[in-house]
Amino acid sequence: MKKNRFLHKVIVYSISLCIVGAGVTGFSLLKGRSEKEEVRQEQRAARPVMTQEDMEILYAQHRLLQKEEIIEENTSKEEAEEVQQSAYISPIDFEGMWKVNPDVYAWIYIPGTVIDYPILQHATDNTYYLNYNIDGSYGYPGCIYTETMNSKDFTDNHTIIYGHNMKNGTMFSDLHKYKDASFLEENDQIFIYMPQKELEYRIFASYIYDDRHLHYSFNFADEAVYASYLEMVQEMRDMNANLRQDITVTAEDKIITLVTCLNGQPDKRLLVQAVLHTEE
């Protein structure tokens, strides 16, 4: 009789534990779902205030006036002739862009492509503009940006510039055109505009690479490492790589690398590299 009572108590206690355990598990799952939903709601609430079309219009309003037009708008004929000969005038309305976002510090333009955008750098978060737009809103298309490992005057040996491969063909999507060797040969210029100077680069390589972080993988400030890296690129033997044989790049040169993603290959990146040709 006592054994039966004891067994009865054990069974009741076990069932109680199961019920409590199930309740706790259920609560944890609900809590986890709730927290995830809160994150999703925050992200939805932070979706772009400006549409991507609005952003493209904004860029068009501040981009690439001809130097002659700027001079004509702001000076007399006599002054224009003098300025034409001496002063650099940026074709970008940087003051207007700074009112939108003070992190804008340069502009990239690649003839033959739609790439014609401001370049930004966040002071503390190197991935910020991967996920945030020029108006500070969360989501795509993000911005063209560099990281704090690079200075903002393009005097580093190697400056790395990132941008999304957007399905609608904007941002850095047109870099994929450089997988075609003939396109590279006909469209090999990259211009970087800054408030005080203009840089012209010539594209010497386009290839698919893994997703390693280049700044963390190579010390480009070390001349020997930099020289070895350039040698590796120029001696690459890959059927998918386009390398200019008529351009030799040494450790005395400064280069830029444009980086974007490949559809369906999350562990790969497309790199387009160019060497500094002229500075105005």
C-alpha atoms as a PDB file:
ATOM      1  CA  MET A   1       0.000   0.000   0.000  1.00  0.00           C
ATOM      2  CA  LYS A   2       2.806   2.389   0.941  1.00  0.00           C
ATOM      3  CA  LYS A   3       4.660   1.457  -2.247  1.00  0.00           C
ATOM      4  CA  ASN A   4       1.600   2.308  -4.319  1.00  0.00           C
ATOM      5  CA  ARG A   5       1.272   5.688  -2.622  1.00  0.00           C
ATOM      6  CA  PHE A   6       4.961   6.384  -3.168  1.00  0.00           C
ATOM      7  CA  LEU A   7       4.735   5.433  -6.860  1.00  0.00           C
ATOM      8  CA  HIS A   8       1.645   7.625  -7.195  1.00  0.00           C
ATOM      9  CA  LYS A   9       3.515  10.600  -5.744  1.00  0.00           C
ATOM     10  CA  VAL A  10       6.522   9.984  -8.050  1.00  0.00           C
ATOM     11  CA  ILE A  11       4.272   9.845 -11.105  1.00  0.00           C
ATOM     12  CA  VAL A  12       2.397  13.024 -10.112  1.00  0.00           C
ATOM     13  CA  TYR A  13       5.697  14.836  -9.437  1.00  0.00           C
ATOM     14  CA  SER A  14       7.161  13.706 -12.787  1.00  0.00           C
ATOM     15  CA  ILE A  15       4.081  14.874 -14.681  1.00  0.00           C
ATOM     16  CA  SER A  16       4.267  18.227 -12.882  1.00  0.00           C
ATOM     17  CA  LEU A  17       7.890  18.646 -13.878  1.00  0.00           C
ATOM     18  CA  CYS A  18       7.051  17.879 -17.507  1.00  0.00           C
ATOM     19  CA  ILE A  19       4.251  20.428 -17.477  1.00  0.00           C
ATOM     20  CA  VAL A  20       6.498  23.102 -15.938  1.00  0.00           C
ATOM     21  CA  GLY A  21       9.334  22.252 -18.344  1.00  0.00           C
ATOM     22  CA  ALA A  22       7.048  22.491 -21.312  1.00  0.00           C
ATOM     23  CA  GLY A  23       5.771  25.808 -20.061  1.00  0.00           C
ATOM     24  CA  VAL A  24       9.290  27.190 -19.626  1.00  0.00           C
ATOM     25  CA  THR A  25      10.329  25.923 -23.056  1.00  0.00           C
ATOM     26  CA  GLY A  26       7.251  27.416 -24.608  1.00  0.00           C
ATOM     27  CA  PHE A  27       7.892  30.720 -22.880  1.00  0.00           C
ATOM     28  CA  SER A  28      11.511  30.725 -24.104  1.00  0.00           C
ATOM     29  CA  LEU A  29      10.433  30.034 -27.657  1.00  0.00           C
ATOM     30  CA  LEU A  30       7.794  32.735 -27.500  1.00  0.00           C
ATOM     31  CA  LYS A  31      10.316  35.149 -26.015  1.00  0.00           C
ATOM     32  CA  GLY A  32      12.825  34.311 -28.755  1.00  0.00           C
ATOM     33  CA  ARG A  33      10.204  34.816 -31.431  1.00  0.00           C
ATOM     34  CA  SER A  34       9.108  38.039 -29.806  1.00  0.00           C
ATOM     35  CA  GLU A  35      12.653  39.410 -29.724  1.00  0.00           C
ATOM     36  CA  LYS A  36      13.218  38.471 -33.384  1.00  0.00           C
ATOM     37  CA  GLU A  37       9.935  40.089 -34.331  1.00  0.00           C
ATOM     38  CA  GLU A  38      10.949  43.259 -32.483  1.00  0.00           C
ATOM     39  CA  VAL A  39      14.189  43.368 -34.491  1.00  0.00           C
ATOM     40  CA  ARG A  40      12.262  42.854 -37.728  1.00  0.00           C
ATOM     41  CA  GLN A  41       9.807  45.594 -36.760  1.00  0.00           C
ATOM     42  CA  GLU A  42      12.671  47.964 -35.972  1.00  0.00           C
ATOM     43  CA  GLN A  43      14.245  47.233 -39.336  1.00  0.00           C
ATOM     44  CA  ARG A  44      10.930  47.687 -41.126  1.00  0.00           C
ATOM     45  CA  ALA A  45      10.393  50.959 -39.290  1.00  0.00           C
ATOM     46  CA  ALA A  46      13.880  52.059 -40.361  1.00  0.00           C
ATOM     47  CA  ARG A  47      13.377  51.309 -44.050  1.00  0.00           C
ATOM     48  CA  PRO A  48      14.592  54.039 -46.370  1.00  0.00           C
ATOM     49  CA  VAL A  49      12.965  57.394 -45.946  1.00  0.00           C
ATOM     50  CA  MET A  50      14.198  58.088 -49.462  1.00  0.00           C
ATOM     51  CA  THR A  51      13.505  55.537 -52.183  1.00  0.00           C
ATOM     52  CA  GLN A  52      16.417  54.409 -54.321  1.00  0.00           C
ATOM     53  CA  GLU A  53      14.965  56.486 -57.138  1.00  0.00           C
ATOM     54  CA  ASP A  54      15.049  59.520 -54.825  1.00  0.00           C
ATOM     55  CA  MET A  55      18.691  58.786 -54.052  1.00  0.00           C
ATOM     56  CA  GLU A  56      19.596  58.532 -57.736  1.00  0.00           C
ATOM     57  CA  ILE A  57      17.913  61.895 -58.351  1.00  0.00           C
ATOM     58  CA  LEU A  58      19.843  63.367 -55.411  1.00  0.00           C
ATOM     59  CA  TYR A  59      23.149  62.142 -56.855  1.00  0.00           C
ATOM     60  CA  ALA A  60      22.258  63.491 -60.290  1.00  0.00           C
ATOM     61  CA  GLN A  61      21.646  66.917 -58.803  1.00  0.00           C
ATOM     62  CA  HIS A  62      25.175  67.067 -57.393  1.00  0.00           C
ATOM     63  CA  ARG A  63      27.223  65.183 -59.949  1.00  0.00           C
ATOM     64  CA  LEU A  64      29.552  65.946 -62.768  1.00  0.00           C
ATOM     65  CA  LEU A  65      29.060  69.387 -64.168  1.00  0.00           C
ATOM     66  CA  GLN A  66      31.600  70.145 -66.854  1.00  0.00           C
ATOM     67  CA  LYS A  67      34.488  72.278 -65.670  1.00  0.00           C
ATOM     68  CA  GLU A  68      33.770  74.855 -68.371  1.00  0.00           C
ATOM     69  CA  GLU A  69      30.134  75.124 -67.232  1.00  0.00           C
ATOM     70  CA  ILE A  70      31.170  75.706 -63.618  1.00  0.00           C
ATOM     71  CA  ILE A  71      33.592  78.441 -64.635  1.00  0.00           C
ATOM     72  CA  GLU A  72      31.028  80.076 -66.903  1.00  0.00           C
ATOM     73  CA  GLU A  73      28.388  80.082 -64.172  1.00  0.00           C
ATOM     74  CA  ASN A  74      30.604  81.640 -61.522  1.00  0.00           C
ATOM     75  CA  THR A  75      33.076  83.983 -63.249  1.00  0.00           C
ATOM     76  CA  SER A  76      33.434  86.646 -65.894  1.00  0.00           C
ATOM     77  CA  LYS A  77      35.064  85.807 -69.245  1.00  0.00           C
ATOM     78  CA  GLU A  78      38.437  87.240 -68.164  1.00  0.00           C
ATOM     79  CA  GLU A  79      38.348  85.460 -64.827  1.00  0.00           C
ATOM     80  CA  ALA A  80      37.277  82.243 -66.523  1.00  0.00           C
ATOM     81  CA  GLU A  81      40.342  82.205 -68.749  1.00  0.00           C
ATOM     82  CA  GLU A  82      42.632  82.693 -65.753  1.00  0.00           C
ATOM     83  CA  VAL A  83      40.860  80.045 -63.652  1.00  0.00           C
ATOM     84  CA  GLN A  84      40.875  77.599 -66.566  1.00  0.00           C
ATOM     85  CA  GLN A  85      44.649  77.765 -66.622  1.00  0.00           C
ATOM     86  CA  SER A  86      45.375  77.645 -62.912  1.00  0.00           C
ATOM     87  CA  ALA A  87      42.754  76.441 -60.446  1.00  0.00           C
ATOM     88  CA  TYR A  88      41.201  73.050 -59.909  1.00  0.00           C
ATOM     89  CA  ILE A  89      37.429  73.190 -59.781  1.00  0.00           C
ATOM     90  CA  SER A  90      35.688  70.063 -58.576  1.00  0.00           C
ATOM     91  CA  PRO A  91      32.810  68.953 -60.813  1.00  0.00           C
ATOM     92  CA  ILE A  92      30.946  67.812 -57.705  1.00  0.00           C
ATOM     93  CA  ASP A  93      28.817  69.962 -55.433  1.00  0.00           C
ATOM     94  CA  PHE A  94      30.405  68.684 -52.241  1.00  0.00           C
ATOM     95  CA  GLU A  95      28.910  71.429 -50.086  1.00  0.00           C
ATOM     96  CA  GLY A  96      25.461  70.340 -51.188  1.00  0.00           C
ATOM     97  CA  MET A  97      26.289  66.700 -50.457  1.00  0.00           C
ATOM     98  CA  TRP A  98      27.656  67.546 -47.001  1.00  0.00           C
ATOM     99  CA  LYS A  99      24.260  68.994 -46.095  1.00  0.00           C
ATOM    100  CA  VAL A 100      22.797  65.558 -46.820  1.00  0.00           C
ATOM    101  CA  ASN A 101      25.607  63.573 -45.158  1.00  0.00           C
ATOM    102  CA  PRO A 102      28.957  64.935 -43.900  1.00  0.00           C
ATOM    103  CA  ASP A 103      30.566  61.492 -44.334  1.00  0.00           C
ATOM    104  CA  VAL A 104      30.791  62.102 -48.092  1.00  0.00           C
ATOM    105  CA  TYR A 105      34.446  62.811 -48.894  1.00  0.00           C
ATOM    106  CA  ALA A 106      34.955  61.824 -52.539  1.00  0.00           C
ATOM    107  CA  TRP A 107      33.128  60.784 -55.692  1.00  0.00           C
ATOM    108  CA  ILE A 108      33.750  57.882 -58.075  1.00  0.00           C
ATOM    109  CA  TYR A 109      32.915  58.034 -61.769  1.00  0.00           C
ATOM    110  CA  ILE A 110      33.587  55.266 -64.306  1.00  0.00           C
ATOM    111  CA  PRO A 111      32.855  56.211 -67.933  1.00  0.00           C
ATOM    112  CA  GLY A 112      30.916  53.539 -69.786  1.00  0.00           C
ATOM    113  CA  THR A 113      29.080  52.428 -66.633  1.00  0.00           C
ATOM    114  CA  VAL A 114      26.370  53.769 -64.331  1.00  0.00           C
ATOM    115  CA  ILE A 115      28.929  54.081 -61.532  1.00  0.00           C
ATOM    116  CA  ASP A 116      28.742  57.763 -60.656  1.00  0.00           C
ATOM    117  CA  TYR A 117      28.364  58.007 -56.874  1.00  0.00           C
ATOM    118  CA  PRO A 118      29.644  59.670 -53.715  1.00  0.00           C
ATOM    119  CA  ILE A 119      32.125  57.768 -51.548  1.00  0.00           C
ATOM    120  CA  LEU A 120      31.547  57.771 -47.780  1.00  0.00           C
ATOM    121  CA  GLN A 121      33.450  56.676 -44.704  1.00  0.00           C
ATOM    122  CA  HIS A 122      31.927  56.254 -41.253  1.00  0.00           C
ATOM    123  CA  ALA A 123      34.141  57.386 -38.383  1.00  0.00           C
ATOM    124  CA  THR A 124      33.587  54.366 -36.100  1.00  0.00           C
ATOM    125  CA  ASP A 125      31.672  51.590 -37.901  1.00  0.00           C
ATOM    126  CA  ASN A 126      33.377  50.109 -40.946  1.00  0.00           C
ATOM    127  CA  THR A 127      30.280  48.179 -42.042  1.00  0.00           C
ATOM    128  CA  TYR A 128      27.776  50.972 -41.451  1.00  0.00           C
ATOM    129  CA  TYR A 129      27.313  51.923 -45.105  1.00  0.00           C
ATOM    130  CA  LEU A 130      26.974  48.295 -46.074  1.00  0.00           C
ATOM    131  CA  ASN A 131      23.555  48.439 -44.395  1.00  0.00           C
ATOM    132  CA  TYR A 132      22.606  52.112 -44.286  1.00  0.00           C
ATOM    133  CA  ASN A 133      21.777  54.624 -46.983  1.00  0.00           C
ATOM    134  CA  ILE A 134      23.026  58.135 -47.523  1.00  0.00           C
ATOM    135  CA  ASP A 135      20.064  59.574 -45.592  1.00  0.00           C
ATOM    136  CA  GLY A 136      20.863  57.382 -42.571  1.00  0.00           C
ATOM    137  CA  SER A 137      18.010  54.947 -43.174  1.00  0.00           C
ATOM    138  CA  TYR A 138      18.418  51.187 -42.898  1.00  0.00           C
ATOM    139  CA  GLY A 139      18.409  48.939 -45.968  1.00  0.00           C
ATOM    140  CA  TYR A 140      19.539  48.727 -49.558  1.00  0.00           C
ATOM    141  CA  PRO A 141      21.194  50.031 -51.672  1.00  0.00           C
ATOM    142  CA  GLY A 142      23.595  51.208 -48.961  1.00  0.00           C
ATOM    143  CA  CYS A 143      26.457  53.414 -50.133  1.00  0.00           C
ATOM    144  CA  ILE A 144      29.786  53.236 -51.892  1.00  0.00           C
ATOM    145  CA  TYR A 145      32.265  53.372 -49.002  1.00  0.00           C
ATOM    146  CA  THR A 146      35.758  52.826 -47.649  1.00  0.00           C
ATOM    147  CA  GLU A 147      36.933  51.736 -44.208  1.00  0.00           C
ATOM    148  CA  THR A 148      38.991  53.598 -41.622  1.00  0.00           C
ATOM    149  CA  MET A 149      42.058  51.514 -42.508  1.00  0.00           C
ATOM    150  CA  ASN A 150      42.286  53.844 -45.484  1.00  0.00           C
ATOM    151  CA  SER A 151      42.908  57.569 -45.333  1.00  0.00           C
ATOM    152  CA  LYS A 152      40.445  59.818 -47.116  1.00  0.00           C
ATOM    153  CA  ASP A 153      42.995  61.453 -49.429  1.00  0.00           C
ATOM    154  CA  PHE A 154      43.904  58.330 -51.481  1.00  0.00           C
ATOM    155  CA  THR A 155      47.571  58.560 -50.523  1.00  0.00           C
ATOM    156  CA  ASP A 156      47.659  54.958 -49.240  1.00  0.00           C
ATOM    157  CA  ASN A 157      49.352  52.311 -51.352  1.00  0.00           C
ATOM    158  CA  HIS A 158      46.058  50.482 -51.652  1.00  0.00           C
ATOM    159  CA  THR A 159      42.594  51.956 -51.158  1.00  0.00           C
ATOM    160  CA  ILE A 160      39.693  49.500 -51.096  1.00  0.00           C
ATOM    161  CA  ILE A 161      36.205  50.683 -52.091  1.00  0.00           C
ATOM    162  CA  TYR A 162      33.054  48.632 -51.466  1.00  0.00           C
ATOM    163  CA  GLY A 163      29.607  48.670 -53.030  1.00  0.00           C
ATOM    164  CA  HIS A 164      26.580  46.382 -53.422  1.00  0.00           C
ATOM    165  CA  ASN A 165      25.838  44.374 -56.558  1.00  0.00           C
ATOM    166  CA  MET A 166      22.245  45.554 -56.922  1.00  0.00           C
ATOM    167  CA  LYS A 167      19.810  43.517 -59.023  1.00  0.00           C
ATOM    168  CA  ASN A 168      18.459  46.685 -60.640  1.00  0.00           C
ATOM    169  CA  GLY A 169      21.895  47.455 -62.090  1.00  0.00           C
ATOM    170  CA  THR A 170      22.838  50.344 -59.797  1.00  0.00           C
ATOM    171  CA  MET A 171      25.730  50.894 -57.369  1.00  0.00           C
ATOM    172  CA  PHE A 172      28.627  48.497 -58.195  1.00  0.00           C
ATOM    173  CA  SER A 173      26.622  46.099 -60.395  1.00  0.00           C
ATOM    174  CA  ASP A 174      28.324  47.361 -63.558  1.00  0.00           C
ATOM    175  CA  LEU A 175      31.680  46.103 -62.281  1.00  0.00           C
ATOM    176  CA  HIS A 176      30.554  42.753 -63.658  1.00  0.00           C
ATOM    177  CA  LYS A 177      30.967  44.167 -67.165  1.00  0.00           C
ATOM    178  CA  TYR A 178      34.716  43.983 -66.563  1.00  0.00           C
ATOM    179  CA  LYS A 179      34.538  40.208 -66.731  1.00  0.00           C
ATOM    180  CA  ASP A 180      34.528  40.903 -70.483  1.00  0.00           C
ATOM    181  CA  ALA A 181      38.100  41.641 -71.634  1.00  0.00           C
ATOM    182  CA  SER A 182      36.981  43.779 -74.582  1.00  0.00           C
ATOM    183  CA  PHE A 183      34.846  45.951 -72.303  1.00  0.00           C
ATOM    184  CA  LEU A 184      37.838  46.489 -70.017  1.00  0.00           C
ATOM    185  CA  GLU A 185      40.045  47.565 -72.913  1.00  0.00           C
ATOM    186  CA  GLU A 186      37.474  50.100 -74.102  1.00  0.00           C
ATOM    187  CA  ASN A 187      36.493  51.406 -70.644  1.00  0.00           C
ATOM    188  CA  ASP A 188      39.642  51.424 -68.532  1.00  0.00           C
ATOM    189  CA  GLN A 189      39.358  54.812 -66.808  1.00  0.00           C
ATOM    190  CA  ILE A 190      38.212  55.532 -63.256  1.00  0.00           C
ATOM    191  CA  PHE A 191      37.957  59.080 -61.932  1.00  0.00           C
ATOM    192  CA  ILE A 192      38.006  59.994 -58.251  1.00  0.00           C
ATOM    193  CA  TYR A 193      36.866  63.546 -57.535  1.00  0.00           C
ATOM    194  CA  MET A 194      37.580  65.346 -54.280  1.00  0.00           C
ATOM    195  CA  PRO A 195      37.024  68.952 -53.234  1.00  0.00           C
ATOM    196  CA  GLN A 196      40.671  69.879 -53.876  1.00  0.00           C
ATOM    197  CA  LYS A 197      41.891  67.425 -56.502  1.00  0.00           C
ATOM    198  CA  GLU A 198      41.019  64.869 -59.146  1.00  0.00           C
ATOM    199  CA  LEU A 199      42.617  61.461 -59.668  1.00  0.00           C
ATOM    200  CA  GLU A 200      42.546  59.372 -62.827  1.00  0.00           C
ATOM    201  CA  TYR A 201      43.169  55.628 -62.581  1.00  0.00           C
ATOM    202  CA  ARG A 202      43.642  52.965 -65.267  1.00  0.00           C
ATOM    203  CA  ILE A 203      42.122  49.517 -64.742  1.00  0.00           C
ATOM    204  CA  PHE A 204      44.708  46.749 -64.946  1.00  0.00           C
ATOM    205  CA  ALA A 205      42.877  43.723 -63.484  1.00  0.00           C
ATOM    206  CA  SER A 206      39.461  42.184 -63.001  1.00  0.00           C
ATOM    207  CA  TYR A 207      39.043  38.793 -61.350  1.00  0.00           C
ATOM    208  CA  ILE A 208      37.072  36.699 -58.896  1.00  0.00           C
ATOM    209  CA  TYR A 209      38.633  36.277 -55.463  1.00  0.00           C
ATOM    210  CA  ASP A 210      37.593  34.730 -52.172  1.00  0.00           C
ATOM    211  CA  ASP A 211      35.805  36.729 -49.491  1.00  0.00           C
ATOM    212  CA  ARG A 212      38.803  37.378 -47.255  1.00  0.00           C
ATOM    213  CA  HIS A 213      39.189  40.884 -45.864  1.00  0.00           C
ATOM    214  CA  LEU A 214      42.137  42.289 -47.818  1.00  0.00           C
ATOM    215  CA  HIS A 215      43.205  44.807 -45.175  1.00  0.00           C
ATOM    216  CA  TYR A 216      43.322  42.072 -42.518  1.00  0.00           C
ATOM    217  CA  SER A 217      45.103  39.630 -44.828  1.00  0.00           C
ATOM    218  CA  PHE A 218      47.868  41.876 -46.183  1.00  0.00           C
ATOM    219  CA  ASN A 219      49.877  44.703 -44.641  1.00  0.00           C
ATOM    220  CA  PHE A 220      49.897  46.995 -47.652  1.00  0.00           C
ATOM    221  CA  ALA A 221      51.952  49.579 -45.758  1.00  0.00           C
ATOM    222  CA  ASP A 222      54.839  47.098 -45.851  1.00  0.00           C
ATOM    223  CA  GLU A 223      56.554  47.644 -49.208  1.00  0.00           C
ATOM    224  CA  ALA A 224      57.717  44.026 -49.481  1.00  0.00           C
ATOM    225  CA  VAL A 225      54.231  42.676 -48.752  1.00  0.00           C
ATOM    226  CA  TYR A 226      52.674  45.161 -51.158  1.00  0.00           C
ATOM    227  CA  ALA A 227      55.159  44.255 -53.909  1.00  0.00           C
ATOM    228  CA  SER A 228      54.511  40.545 -53.365  1.00  0.00           C
ATOM    229  CA  TYR A 229      50.761  41.111 -53.520  1.00  0.00           C
ATOM    230  CA  LEU A 230      51.010  43.029 -56.809  1.00  0.00           C
ATOM    231  CA  GLU A 231      53.211  40.308 -58.257  1.00  0.00           C
ATOM    232  CA  MET A 232      50.647  37.690 -57.241  1.00  0.00           C
ATOM    233  CA  VAL A 233      47.879  39.585 -59.029  1.00  0.00           C
ATOM    234  CA  GLN A 234      49.835  40.227 -62.215  1.00  0.00           C
ATOM    235  CA  GLU A 235      51.031  36.623 -62.450  1.00  0.00           C
ATOM    236  CA  MET A 236      47.557  35.205 -61.851  1.00  0.00           C
ATOM    237  CA  ARG A 237      46.636  32.329 -64.137  1.00  0.00           C
ATOM    238  CA  ASP A 238      42.869  32.161 -64.151  1.00  0.00           C
ATOM    239  CA  MET A 239      40.605  31.777 -67.177  1.00  0.00           C
ATOM    240  CA  ASN A 240      38.083  34.114 -65.524  1.00  0.00           C
ATOM    241  CA  ALA A 241      40.644  36.862 -64.868  1.00  0.00           C
ATOM    242  CA  ASN A 242      41.239  39.814 -67.181  1.00  0.00           C
ATOM    243  CA  LEU A 243      44.740  41.226 -66.745  1.00  0.00           C
ATOM    244  CA  ARG A 244      46.217  44.062 -68.785  1.00  0.00           C
ATOM    245  CA  GLN A 245      49.589  42.961 -70.105  1.00  0.00           C
ATOM    246  CA  ASP A 246      50.411  46.504 -71.242  1.00  0.00           C
ATOM    247  CA  ILE A 247      50.231  47.914 -67.703  1.00  0.00           C
ATOM    248  CA  THR A 248      52.917  47.044 -65.148  1.00  0.00           C
ATOM    249  CA  VAL A 249      52.216  47.958 -61.538  1.00  0.00           C
ATOM    250  CA  THR A 250      55.011  48.170 -58.962  1.00  0.00           C
ATOM    251  CA  ALA A 251      55.241  48.937 -55.244  1.00  0.00           C
ATOM    252  CA  GLU A 252      55.943  52.562 -56.179  1.00  0.00           C
ATOM    253  CA  ASP A 253      52.419  52.863 -57.586  1.00  0.00           C
ATOM    254  CA  LYS A 254      49.157  53.507 -55.782  1.00  0.00           C
ATOM    255  CA  ILE A 255      46.127  51.408 -56.594  1.00  0.00           C
ATOM    256  CA  ILE A 256      42.432  51.193 -55.798  1.00  0.00           C
ATOM    257  CA  THR A 257      40.392  48.001 -55.595  1.00  0.00           C
ATOM    258  CA  LEU A 258      36.633  48.049 -56.159  1.00  0.00           C
ATOM    259  CA  VAL A 259      34.856  45.159 -54.423  1.00  0.00           C
ATOM    260  CA  THR A 260      31.371  43.756 -54.949  1.00  0.00           C
ATOM    261  CA  CYS A 261      29.506  40.461 -54.539  1.00  0.00           C
ATOM    262  CA  LEU A 262      28.642  37.697 -56.995  1.00  0.00           C
ATOM    263  CA  ASN A 263      25.121  36.343 -57.270  1.00  0.00           C
ATOM    264  CA  GLY A 264      24.814  32.885 -55.747  1.00  0.00           C
ATOM    265  CA  GLN A 265      28.433  32.834 -54.544  1.00  0.00           C
ATOM    266  CA  PRO A 266      28.469  34.269 -51.014  1.00  0.00           C
ATOM    267  CA  ASP A 267      32.068  33.182 -50.434  1.00  0.00           C
ATOM    268  CA  LYS A 268      33.387  34.970 -53.538  1.00  0.00           C
ATOM    269  CA  ARG A 269      33.975  38.607 -54.517  1.00  0.00           C
ATOM    270  CA  LEU A 270      34.581  40.389 -57.800  1.00  0.00           C
ATOM    271  CA  LEU A 271      37.612  42.684 -57.673  1.00  0.00           C
ATOM    272  CA  VAL A 272      38.361  45.407 -60.202  1.00  0.00           C
ATOM    273  CA  GLN A 273      41.745  47.056 -59.687  1.00  0.00           C
ATOM    274  CA  ALA A 274      43.189  50.246 -61.113  1.00  0.00           C
ATOM    275  CA  VAL A 275      46.502  52.105 -60.827  1.00  0.00           C
ATOM    276  CA  LEU A 276      46.880  55.858 -60.344  1.00  0.00           C
ATOM    277  CA  HIS A 277      47.670  57.447 -63.701  1.00  0.00           C
ATOM    278  CA  THR A 278      47.373  61.212 -63.247  1.00  0.00           C
ATOM    279  CA  GLU A 279      46.582  63.674 -60.470  1.00  0.00           C
ATOM    280  CA  GLU A 280      45.205  67.169 -61.001  1.00  0.00           C
END
